[in-house]
Amino acid sequence: MSLLLQERRFLAGRWLGMETPHDYRKFAEECRRLAKEAQDGEHRRALEQMAEAWLRLAREAQQKD
């Protein structure tokens, strides 16, 4: 699921909060994909940082399982 779809779900008040480590990794992949397409270096770095945050969440969720 794309980050934009996730954002729409959140804004629509339907945030489930039940993401899995797999979901977090997919979000990270989406951030990395967007970072590759980013024209601005600052934007690219922000997306890479977001990807790292999603991967940290994936590791934390995996440890809880």
C-alpha atoms as a PDB file:
ATOM      1  CA  MET A   1       0.000   0.000   0.000  1.00  0.00           C
ATOM      2  CA  SER A   2       1.436   3.346  -0.957  1.00  0.00           C
ATOM      3  CA  LEU A   3       2.219   6.014   1.589  1.00  0.00           C
ATOM      4  CA  LEU A   4      -0.345   8.263  -0.040  1.00  0.00           C
ATOM      5  CA  LEU A   5      -3.065   5.670   0.468  1.00  0.00           C
ATOM      6  CA  GLN A   6      -1.992   5.254   4.095  1.00  0.00           C
ATOM      7  CA  GLU A   7      -2.193   9.011   4.555  1.00  0.00           C
ATOM      8  CA  ARG A   8      -5.672   9.093   3.037  1.00  0.00           C
ATOM      9  CA  ARG A   9      -6.802   6.316   5.389  1.00  0.00           C
ATOM     10  CA  PHE A  10      -5.457   8.273   8.352  1.00  0.00           C
ATOM     11  CA  LEU A  11      -7.044  11.538   7.279  1.00  0.00           C
ATOM     12  CA  ALA A  12     -10.346   9.788   6.635  1.00  0.00           C
ATOM     13  CA  GLY A  13     -10.353   8.625  10.262  1.00  0.00           C
ATOM     14  CA  ARG A  14      -9.886   4.971   9.402  1.00  0.00           C
ATOM     15  CA  TRP A  15      -6.399   4.460  10.784  1.00  0.00           C
ATOM     16  CA  LEU A  16      -6.220   0.882  11.989  1.00  0.00           C
ATOM     17  CA  GLY A  17      -2.871   1.011  13.778  1.00  0.00           C
ATOM     18  CA  MET A  18      -2.318  -2.681  13.166  1.00  0.00           C
ATOM     19  CA  GLU A  19       0.594  -2.533  10.778  1.00  0.00           C
ATOM     20  CA  THR A  20       2.944  -5.482  10.584  1.00  0.00           C
ATOM     21  CA  PRO A  21       6.727  -5.493  10.147  1.00  0.00           C
ATOM     22  CA  HIS A  22       6.037  -6.296   6.491  1.00  0.00           C
ATOM     23  CA  ASP A  23       3.891  -3.159   6.187  1.00  0.00           C
ATOM     24  CA  TYR A  24       6.633  -1.021   7.718  1.00  0.00           C
ATOM     25  CA  ARG A  25       9.181  -2.441   5.277  1.00  0.00           C
ATOM     26  CA  LYS A  26       6.866  -1.649   2.374  1.00  0.00           C
ATOM     27  CA  PHE A  27       6.564   1.945   3.624  1.00  0.00           C
ATOM     28  CA  ALA A  28      10.368   2.105   3.772  1.00  0.00           C
ATOM     29  CA  GLU A  29      10.598   0.803   0.203  1.00  0.00           C
ATOM     30  CA  GLU A  30       8.157   3.478  -0.932  1.00  0.00           C
ATOM     31  CA  CYS A  31      10.229   6.196   0.753  1.00  0.00           C
ATOM     32  CA  ARG A  32      13.387   4.882  -0.912  1.00  0.00           C
ATOM     33  CA  ARG A  33      11.642   4.802  -4.290  1.00  0.00           C
ATOM     34  CA  LEU A  34      10.495   8.383  -3.843  1.00  0.00           C
ATOM     35  CA  ALA A  35      13.979   9.415  -2.680  1.00  0.00           C
ATOM     36  CA  LYS A  36      15.474   8.094  -5.914  1.00  0.00           C
ATOM     37  CA  GLU A  37      13.054  10.275  -7.867  1.00  0.00           C
ATOM     38  CA  ALA A  38      13.552  13.388  -5.727  1.00  0.00           C
ATOM     39  CA  GLN A  39      15.137  16.316  -7.506  1.00  0.00           C
ATOM     40  CA  ASP A  40      16.068  18.193  -4.349  1.00  0.00           C
ATOM     41  CA  GLY A  41      18.833  16.880  -2.084  1.00  0.00           C
ATOM     42  CA  GLU A  42      17.060  17.984   1.084  1.00  0.00           C
ATOM     43  CA  HIS A  43      13.897  16.193   0.032  1.00  0.00           C
ATOM     44  CA  ARG A  44      15.903  13.087  -0.831  1.00  0.00           C
ATOM     45  CA  ARG A  45      17.591  13.078   2.595  1.00  0.00           C
ATOM     46  CA  ALA A  46      14.252  13.511   4.376  1.00  0.00           C
ATOM     47  CA  LEU A  47      12.799  10.546   2.501  1.00  0.00           C
ATOM     48  CA  GLU A  48      15.845   8.422   3.320  1.00  0.00           C
ATOM     49  CA  GLN A  49      15.462   9.341   6.987  1.00  0.00           C
ATOM     50  CA  MET A  50      11.803   8.370   6.820  1.00  0.00           C
ATOM     51  CA  ALA A  51      12.781   5.033   5.296  1.00  0.00           C
ATOM     52  CA  GLU A  52      15.202   4.411   8.157  1.00  0.00           C
ATOM     53  CA  ALA A  53      12.477   5.262  10.691  1.00  0.00           C
ATOM     54  CA  TRP A  54      10.099   2.766   9.054  1.00  0.00           C
ATOM     55  CA  LEU A  55      12.812   0.098   9.155  1.00  0.00           C
ATOM     56  CA  ARG A  56      13.392   0.771  12.864  1.00  0.00           C
ATOM     57  CA  LEU A  57       9.673   0.328  13.466  1.00  0.00           C
ATOM     58  CA  ALA A  58       9.765  -2.928  11.494  1.00  0.00           C
ATOM     59  CA  ARG A  59      12.603  -4.253  13.676  1.00  0.00           C
ATOM     60  CA  GLU A  60      10.816  -3.196  16.868  1.00  0.00           C
ATOM     61  CA  ALA A  61       7.555  -4.797  15.733  1.00  0.00           C
ATOM     62  CA  GLN A  62       9.409  -7.982  14.761  1.00  0.00           C
ATOM     63  CA  GLN A  63      10.972  -8.191  18.241  1.00  0.00           C
ATOM     64  CA  LYS A  64       7.536  -7.871  19.861  1.00  0.00           C
ATOM     65  CA  ASP A  65       6.160 -10.800  17.851  1.00  0.00           C
END
